[in-house]
N, C-alpha and C. Protein backbone atom coordinates (compact mmCIF):
# COMPACT_ATOMS: atom_id res chain seq x y z
N MET A 1 16.03 3.49 34.78
CA MET A 1 15.37 4.21 35.84
C MET A 1 16.10 3.83 37.36
N SER A 2 16.93 3.50 37.25
CA SER A 2 17.92 2.75 38.42
C SER A 2 18.48 4.41 39.43
N ASN A 3 18.53 5.28 37.65
CA ASN A 3 18.87 6.49 38.80
C ASN A 3 17.41 7.85 39.25
N PHE A 4 16.65 7.52 39.72
CA PHE A 4 15.08 7.82 40.08
C PHE A 4 15.40 7.59 41.40
N LYS A 5 15.86 6.20 41.51
CA LYS A 5 15.56 5.46 42.58
C LYS A 5 16.27 5.38 43.88
N LYS A 6 16.79 7.29 43.87
CA LYS A 6 17.91 7.64 44.70
C LYS A 6 16.71 8.00 46.38
N ASN A 7 16.50 8.09 47.08
CA ASN A 7 15.99 8.77 48.27
C ASN A 7 14.48 8.75 48.28
N VAL A 8 14.20 7.91 47.87
CA VAL A 8 12.92 6.51 47.58
C VAL A 8 12.25 5.59 48.51
N PRO A 9 11.71 5.75 49.21
CA PRO A 9 11.37 4.23 50.00
C PRO A 9 11.30 2.83 49.07
N SER A 10 11.89 1.66 49.43
CA SER A 10 11.16 0.98 48.31
C SER A 10 10.23 -0.21 49.49
N GLY A 11 9.66 -0.49 48.94
CA GLY A 11 8.53 -1.05 49.44
C GLY A 11 9.49 -3.27 49.18
N PRO A 12 8.67 -3.23 50.16
CA PRO A 12 8.79 -4.91 50.05
C PRO A 12 8.99 -5.50 48.56
N PRO A 13 9.82 -5.98 47.79
CA PRO A 13 9.43 -6.88 46.68
C PRO A 13 8.03 -7.35 45.85
N SER A 14 7.19 -8.04 46.99
CA SER A 14 5.82 -8.36 46.89
C SER A 14 5.18 -6.92 46.60
N VAL A 15 4.93 -5.90 47.00
CA VAL A 15 4.24 -4.35 46.55
C VAL A 15 4.48 -4.08 45.46
N ILE A 16 5.77 -3.23 45.61
CA ILE A 16 5.59 -2.70 44.36
C ILE A 16 6.61 -3.55 43.08
N ASN A 17 7.35 -4.60 43.35
CA ASN A 17 7.87 -5.36 42.57
C ASN A 17 6.82 -5.94 41.80
N GLY A 18 6.38 -6.91 42.69
CA GLY A 18 5.49 -8.35 42.12
C GLY A 18 4.69 -7.51 41.63
N ILE A 19 4.42 -6.25 41.62
CA ILE A 19 3.32 -5.71 41.02
C ILE A 19 3.48 -5.93 39.71
N VAL A 20 4.41 -4.97 39.43
CA VAL A 20 5.74 -4.35 38.23
C VAL A 20 5.86 -5.73 36.94
N LYS A 21 6.36 -7.20 37.63
CA LYS A 21 6.30 -8.34 37.45
C LYS A 21 5.20 -9.40 36.82
N GLU A 22 3.91 -9.37 37.67
CA GLU A 22 2.79 -9.55 36.71
C GLU A 22 2.03 -8.74 35.99
N LEU A 23 2.01 -7.42 35.81
CA LEU A 23 1.49 -6.56 34.95
C LEU A 23 3.14 -6.81 34.09
N LYS A 24 3.70 -7.32 33.75
CA LYS A 24 4.71 -6.84 32.11
C LYS A 24 4.28 -8.37 32.11
N ALA A 25 3.91 -9.06 32.93
CA ALA A 25 3.42 -10.70 32.03
C ALA A 25 2.46 -10.78 31.75
N LEU A 26 1.43 -9.41 31.54
CA LEU A 26 0.27 -9.43 30.40
C LEU A 26 0.68 -9.70 29.27
N PRO A 27 -0.21 -10.21 28.37
CA PRO A 27 -0.26 -9.99 27.30
C PRO A 27 -0.79 -8.56 26.67
N ASP A 28 -1.92 -7.84 27.48
CA ASP A 28 -2.36 -6.58 27.58
C ASP A 28 -2.96 -6.54 28.68
N MET A 29 -3.39 -4.76 28.56
CA MET A 29 -4.29 -4.45 29.76
C MET A 29 -5.74 -4.98 29.64
N GLY A 30 -5.92 -5.16 28.48
CA GLY A 30 -7.75 -6.15 28.68
C GLY A 30 -7.62 -7.44 29.08
N SER A 31 -6.29 -7.87 29.50
CA SER A 31 -6.29 -8.87 30.28
C SER A 31 -6.10 -9.04 31.45
N LEU A 32 -6.50 -8.26 32.44
CA LEU A 32 -6.28 -7.82 33.71
C LEU A 32 -7.59 -8.16 34.62
N PRO A 33 -7.54 -9.21 35.60
CA PRO A 33 -8.46 -9.63 36.14
C PRO A 33 -9.19 -8.97 36.60
N ALA A 34 -10.57 -8.33 36.73
CA ALA A 34 -11.24 -6.96 37.36
C ALA A 34 -10.64 -7.09 39.15
N SER A 35 -10.36 -8.39 39.82
CA SER A 35 -10.04 -8.34 40.92
C SER A 35 -8.54 -8.44 41.13
N HIS A 36 -7.19 -8.77 40.36
CA HIS A 36 -6.45 -8.57 40.06
C HIS A 36 -6.27 -7.08 40.27
N LEU A 37 -6.60 -6.20 39.06
CA LEU A 37 -6.86 -4.76 39.11
C LEU A 37 -7.25 -4.11 40.43
N VAL A 38 -8.17 -4.54 41.45
CA VAL A 38 -8.50 -4.31 42.44
C VAL A 38 -6.97 -4.35 43.37
N LYS A 39 -7.17 -5.22 43.35
CA LYS A 39 -6.13 -6.07 44.80
C LYS A 39 -4.70 -4.73 44.44
N TYR A 40 -4.25 -5.22 43.20
CA TYR A 40 -2.90 -4.13 42.71
C TYR A 40 -3.17 -2.68 43.09
N ALA A 41 -4.05 -2.69 42.38
CA ALA A 41 -4.56 -0.71 42.96
C ALA A 41 -4.59 -0.46 44.36
N GLU A 42 -5.27 -1.29 45.10
CA GLU A 42 -4.80 -0.75 47.14
C GLU A 42 -3.75 -1.22 47.32
N ASP A 43 -2.82 -2.23 46.79
CA ASP A 43 -1.69 -2.06 47.45
C ASP A 43 -0.63 -0.94 47.05
N VAL A 44 -1.00 -0.52 45.37
CA VAL A 44 -0.26 0.11 45.24
C VAL A 44 -0.65 1.76 45.70
N GLY A 45 -1.92 1.66 45.84
CA GLY A 45 -2.83 3.03 46.46
C GLY A 45 -2.15 3.45 48.05
N ASP A 46 -2.12 1.63 48.91
CA ASP A 46 -1.62 2.07 50.21
C ASP A 46 -0.08 2.61 50.05
N PHE A 47 0.65 2.05 49.68
CA PHE A 47 2.02 1.99 49.14
C PHE A 47 2.35 3.76 48.78
N LEU A 48 1.83 4.77 48.09
CA LEU A 48 2.21 5.11 47.76
C LEU A 48 1.82 6.39 48.63
N ALA A 49 0.85 6.17 49.36
CA ALA A 49 -0.47 7.05 50.63
C ALA A 49 1.07 6.40 51.82
N ASN A 50 1.12 5.67 52.00
CA ASN A 50 1.71 5.98 53.79
C ASN A 50 3.75 5.59 53.62
N LYS A 51 4.05 4.82 52.67
CA LYS A 51 5.46 4.51 52.40
C LYS A 51 6.49 5.46 52.08
N VAL A 52 5.66 6.23 50.53
CA VAL A 52 6.36 7.65 49.73
C VAL A 52 5.35 8.72 49.88
N ARG A 53 4.28 8.83 51.01
CA ARG A 53 3.61 9.73 51.65
C ARG A 53 3.50 10.67 49.81
N LEU A 54 3.10 10.21 48.86
CA LEU A 54 3.15 11.17 47.39
C LEU A 54 1.71 12.20 47.79
N LYS A 55 1.32 13.27 47.44
CA LYS A 55 0.72 14.15 47.19
C LYS A 55 -0.54 13.23 46.83
N THR A 56 -1.82 13.64 46.56
CA THR A 56 -3.02 13.79 45.50
C THR A 56 -2.71 14.12 44.57
N ASN A 57 -2.32 15.56 44.22
CA ASN A 57 -2.08 16.33 43.68
C ASN A 57 -1.42 15.91 42.67
N GLN A 58 -0.68 15.39 42.96
CA GLN A 58 0.80 14.30 42.12
C GLN A 58 -0.16 13.57 40.85
N ILE A 59 -1.06 12.62 41.61
CA ILE A 59 -1.26 11.04 41.26
C ILE A 59 -2.85 11.37 40.40
N ARG A 60 -2.99 12.99 41.00
CA ARG A 60 -4.42 13.26 40.09
C ARG A 60 -3.84 14.27 38.85
N LYS A 61 -3.38 14.89 39.05
CA LYS A 61 -3.01 15.22 37.63
C LYS A 61 -2.87 14.24 36.17
N PHE A 62 -1.95 12.59 36.82
CA PHE A 62 -1.67 12.24 35.88
C PHE A 62 -3.09 11.25 35.61
N LEU A 63 -4.21 11.08 36.08
CA LEU A 63 -5.51 11.23 35.98
C LEU A 63 -6.42 11.23 35.20
N ASP A 64 -6.19 12.84 35.48
CA ASP A 64 -6.59 14.10 34.27
C ASP A 64 -6.45 13.59 33.39
N MET A 65 -4.72 13.55 32.74
CA MET A 65 -4.05 13.17 31.80
C MET A 65 -4.88 12.23 31.05
N VAL A 66 -5.19 11.42 31.46
CA VAL A 66 -5.98 10.05 31.40
C VAL A 66 -6.93 9.99 30.97
N ASN A 67 -7.90 11.21 31.28
CA ASN A 67 -9.04 11.23 31.14
C ASN A 67 -9.42 12.36 30.65
N THR A 68 -8.32 12.89 29.68
CA THR A 68 -8.48 13.65 28.63
C THR A 68 -8.43 12.37 27.43
N ILE A 69 -7.67 11.72 27.75
CA ILE A 69 -7.54 10.51 26.46
C ILE A 69 -8.97 9.24 26.09
N ARG A 70 -9.19 9.48 27.54
CA ARG A 70 -10.59 9.08 27.39
C ARG A 70 -12.18 9.74 26.77
N ALA A 71 -11.77 11.67 27.01
CA ALA A 71 -12.93 12.28 26.07
C ALA A 71 -12.38 12.17 24.82
N GLU A 72 -11.38 11.81 24.63
CA GLU A 72 -11.17 12.22 23.25
C GLU A 72 -11.32 10.78 22.23
N GLY A 73 -11.17 9.97 23.43
CA GLY A 73 -11.54 8.57 22.32
C GLY A 73 -13.14 8.73 22.20
N ILE A 74 -13.76 8.61 23.17
CA ILE A 74 -15.42 9.63 23.49
C ILE A 74 -16.04 9.93 21.71
N ALA A 75 -15.44 11.43 21.52
CA ALA A 75 -15.11 11.85 20.69
C ALA A 75 -15.15 11.37 19.18
N ASN A 76 -14.00 10.45 19.47
CA ASN A 76 -13.17 10.20 17.77
C ASN A 76 -12.59 8.40 17.93
N PRO A 77 -14.58 7.87 17.76
CA PRO A 77 -14.30 6.54 17.52
C PRO A 77 -12.42 5.80 17.25
N LYS A 78 -12.31 6.28 16.55
CA LYS A 78 -11.30 5.90 15.80
C LYS A 78 -9.96 6.35 16.10
N LEU A 79 -9.86 6.75 17.67
CA LEU A 79 -8.32 6.97 18.32
C LEU A 79 -7.22 6.30 18.33
N HIS A 80 -6.12 6.57 18.02
CA HIS A 80 -4.99 5.71 18.51
C HIS A 80 -5.10 5.37 19.28
N TYR A 81 -5.43 4.42 20.50
CA TYR A 81 -4.98 4.82 21.84
C TYR A 81 -3.59 4.64 22.43
N LYS A 82 -2.92 3.95 21.39
CA LYS A 82 -1.80 3.20 21.93
C LYS A 82 -0.35 4.57 21.46
N GLU A 83 -0.67 5.55 21.51
CA GLU A 83 0.03 6.20 20.36
C GLU A 83 -0.07 7.43 21.56
N LYS A 84 -2.05 7.43 22.03
CA LYS A 84 -1.72 8.72 22.78
C LYS A 84 -0.76 8.65 24.38
N VAL A 85 -1.31 7.11 25.20
CA VAL A 85 -1.18 6.85 26.04
C VAL A 85 0.62 7.11 25.96
N ILE A 86 1.22 5.86 24.69
CA ILE A 86 2.37 6.17 25.27
C ILE A 86 3.55 7.59 25.24
N LEU A 87 2.12 8.57 24.76
CA LEU A 87 3.16 9.83 24.98
C LEU A 87 2.67 10.38 26.76
N LEU A 88 1.71 9.76 27.46
CA LEU A 88 2.12 10.16 28.68
C LEU A 88 3.08 9.16 29.62
N LYS A 89 3.80 8.63 28.66
CA LYS A 89 4.96 7.84 29.58
C LYS A 89 6.50 9.85 29.67
N PRO A 90 6.71 10.11 28.83
CA PRO A 90 7.44 11.37 28.95
C PRO A 90 7.05 12.21 30.29
N LYS A 91 5.82 12.43 30.34
CA LYS A 91 5.04 13.54 31.44
C LYS A 91 5.15 12.08 32.67
N LEU A 92 5.16 11.71 32.64
CA LEU A 92 5.39 10.72 33.64
C LEU A 92 7.08 10.48 34.29
N ALA A 93 7.46 10.62 33.35
CA ALA A 93 8.93 10.57 33.93
C ALA A 93 9.48 12.20 34.05
N TYR A 94 9.17 12.92 33.90
CA TYR A 94 9.50 14.40 34.20
C TYR A 94 8.70 14.80 35.93
N ALA A 95 7.49 13.91 35.67
CA ALA A 95 7.18 13.96 37.63
C ALA A 95 8.17 13.41 37.73
N ALA A 96 8.27 12.38 37.83
CA ALA A 96 9.13 11.87 38.36
C ALA A 96 10.61 12.50 38.34
N GLY A 97 10.95 12.93 38.19
CA GLY A 97 12.35 13.45 37.77
C GLY A 97 11.66 15.34 38.75
N ARG A 98 11.09 15.81 39.10
CA ARG A 98 10.94 16.16 39.76
C ARG A 98 10.34 15.84 41.54
N SER A 99 9.76 15.26 41.24
CA SER A 99 9.20 14.74 42.29
C SER A 99 9.91 13.02 42.89
N ARG A 100 10.81 12.21 42.96
CA ARG A 100 11.10 11.57 43.87
C ARG A 100 10.27 10.79 44.41
N GLU A 101 9.04 11.32 44.98
CA GLU A 101 7.79 10.20 45.36
C GLU A 101 7.38 9.67 43.93
N VAL A 102 7.24 9.83 42.75
CA VAL A 102 6.27 9.65 41.83
C VAL A 102 6.58 8.36 41.21
N VAL A 103 8.42 7.81 41.63
CA VAL A 103 8.72 6.72 40.91
C VAL A 103 7.97 6.05 41.40
N PRO A 104 7.61 5.40 41.91
CA PRO A 104 6.90 4.06 42.28
C PRO A 104 5.94 4.04 41.14
N LEU A 105 5.07 5.13 41.61
CA LEU A 105 3.51 5.22 40.75
C LEU A 105 4.16 4.48 38.87
N MET A 106 5.49 5.61 38.31
CA MET A 106 5.88 5.72 37.43
C MET A 106 6.34 3.95 37.01
N GLU A 107 6.92 3.51 38.00
CA GLU A 107 7.49 1.91 38.07
C GLU A 107 6.18 0.93 37.42
N VAL A 108 4.79 1.28 38.07
CA VAL A 108 3.61 0.74 38.34
C VAL A 108 3.04 0.77 37.00
N LEU A 109 3.09 1.90 36.77
CA LEU A 109 2.27 1.99 34.93
C LEU A 109 2.81 2.00 33.84
N ASP A 110 4.09 2.53 34.55
CA ASP A 110 4.92 2.14 32.73
C ASP A 110 4.89 0.73 31.94
N PRO A 111 4.99 -0.09 32.29
CA PRO A 111 4.54 -1.57 31.82
C PRO A 111 2.46 -1.62 31.39
N CYS A 112 2.42 -0.83 31.99
CA CYS A 112 1.12 -0.55 32.00
C CYS A 112 0.47 -0.04 30.47
N MET A 113 1.60 0.92 30.31
CA MET A 113 1.42 1.85 29.00
C MET A 113 1.99 0.64 28.23
N ASP A 114 3.16 0.49 28.06
CA ASP A 114 3.20 -0.18 27.01
C ASP A 114 2.30 -1.79 26.35
N LYS A 115 1.38 -2.32 27.26
CA LYS A 115 -0.18 -2.83 27.72
C LYS A 115 -1.18 -2.32 26.52
N VAL A 116 -0.97 -0.66 26.13
CA VAL A 116 -2.43 -0.57 25.68
C VAL A 116 -2.04 -0.99 24.35
N LYS A 117 -3.22 -1.39 23.45
CA LYS A 117 -3.16 -1.45 22.12
C LYS A 117 -4.49 -0.73 21.88
N VAL A 118 -5.86 -1.41 22.08
CA VAL A 118 -6.95 -0.68 22.28
C VAL A 118 -7.63 -0.25 22.77
N GLU A 119 -9.20 0.31 22.29
CA GLU A 119 -10.28 0.57 23.56
C GLU A 119 -10.10 -0.20 24.62
N LYS A 120 -10.30 -1.52 24.29
CA LYS A 120 -10.55 -1.98 25.99
C LYS A 120 -9.41 -1.98 26.89
N ASP A 121 -8.41 -2.21 25.81
CA ASP A 121 -6.84 -2.15 26.83
C ASP A 121 -6.92 -0.92 27.77
N PHE A 122 -7.43 0.19 26.83
CA PHE A 122 -7.69 1.67 27.40
C PHE A 122 -8.31 1.85 28.52
N GLU A 123 -9.75 1.20 28.69
CA GLU A 123 -10.63 1.62 29.44
C GLU A 123 -10.15 0.54 30.53
N ARG A 124 -9.36 -0.60 30.24
CA ARG A 124 -8.87 -1.28 31.69
C ARG A 124 -7.81 -0.28 32.43
N PHE A 125 -7.03 -0.20 31.74
CA PHE A 125 -5.74 1.36 32.34
C PHE A 125 -6.56 2.08 33.05
N HIS A 126 -7.54 2.88 32.46
CA HIS A 126 -8.13 3.76 32.65
C HIS A 126 -8.56 4.03 34.54
N LYS A 127 -9.47 2.18 34.65
CA LYS A 127 -10.00 2.20 35.88
C LYS A 127 -8.75 1.71 36.38
N PHE A 128 -7.62 1.41 36.22
CA PHE A 128 -6.41 0.76 37.24
C PHE A 128 -5.79 1.93 37.80
N VAL A 129 -5.86 3.38 36.66
CA VAL A 129 -5.20 4.51 37.40
C VAL A 129 -6.34 5.29 38.55
N GLU A 130 -7.58 5.35 37.81
CA GLU A 130 -8.49 5.40 38.46
C GLU A 130 -8.63 4.63 40.24
N SER A 131 -8.71 3.42 40.05
CA SER A 131 -8.52 2.75 41.26
C SER A 131 -7.28 2.92 42.20
N ILE A 132 -6.11 3.43 41.91
CA ILE A 132 -4.87 3.95 42.46
C ILE A 132 -5.17 4.76 42.97
N VAL A 133 -5.91 5.72 42.41
CA VAL A 133 -6.48 6.99 42.67
C VAL A 133 -7.03 7.20 44.14
N ALA A 134 -8.44 6.40 43.92
CA ALA A 134 -9.44 6.12 45.19
C ALA A 134 -9.22 5.15 45.92
N TYR A 135 -7.44 4.52 45.77
CA TYR A 135 -7.40 3.70 47.15
C TYR A 135 -6.15 4.58 47.56
N HIS A 136 -5.73 5.54 47.00
CA HIS A 136 -4.32 6.25 47.52
C HIS A 136 -5.35 7.44 48.67
N ARG A 137 -6.95 7.85 48.33
CA ARG A 137 -7.30 8.73 49.14
C ARG A 137 -7.66 8.04 50.21
N TYR A 138 -8.48 6.48 49.98
CA TYR A 138 -8.72 6.31 51.08
C TYR A 138 -7.72 5.05 52.06
N HIS A 139 -6.41 5.92 51.80
CA HIS A 139 -5.98 4.67 53.12
C HIS A 139 -5.07 6.10 53.24
N GLY A 140 -5.02 7.58 53.20
CA GLY A 140 -4.71 8.46 53.62
C GLY A 140 -4.36 9.16 53.15
N GLY A 141 -4.15 9.21 51.83
CA GLY A 141 -3.15 10.04 50.71
C GLY A 141 -3.27 11.52 51.22
N ARG A 142 -1.97 12.08 51.19
CA ARG A 142 -3.17 13.77 51.63
C ARG A 142 -2.56 14.82 50.48
N GLU A 143 -3.39 15.82 50.68
CA GLU A 143 -3.53 16.89 50.05
C GLU A 143 -2.18 17.42 49.84
N SER A 144 -2.12 18.35 48.93
CA SER A 144 -0.96 19.01 48.36
C SER A 144 0.27 19.25 48.90
């Protein structure tokens, strides 16, 4: 991932790097406490809106893909969430390759995707992505 970091503002280690470290330490996404989810989402949303200037549509596209998996899971209770979520990684990498502003989002969500194994994990992951989008908008995330 280091080759992606060119021309992307880096935040203080306590912002992105600290969150990534905490997320990597989790046994699974389902064990992420709601209070931490909200705090991390606000910090990431603020960073993406004000330091990186990530556009709303770039982050919404990823949420749309996550929402599609959620809809599939409702229709098919036996859905293998781990397989579906892991296939989001190349899509996020492609977006980061096209637009360097996506790199910090990829750095945060990549370890989260590794922690999705069952429906409970996926639901927590979905809430995290949804919350990042909400806080991004709250902190002034710009349109298109």
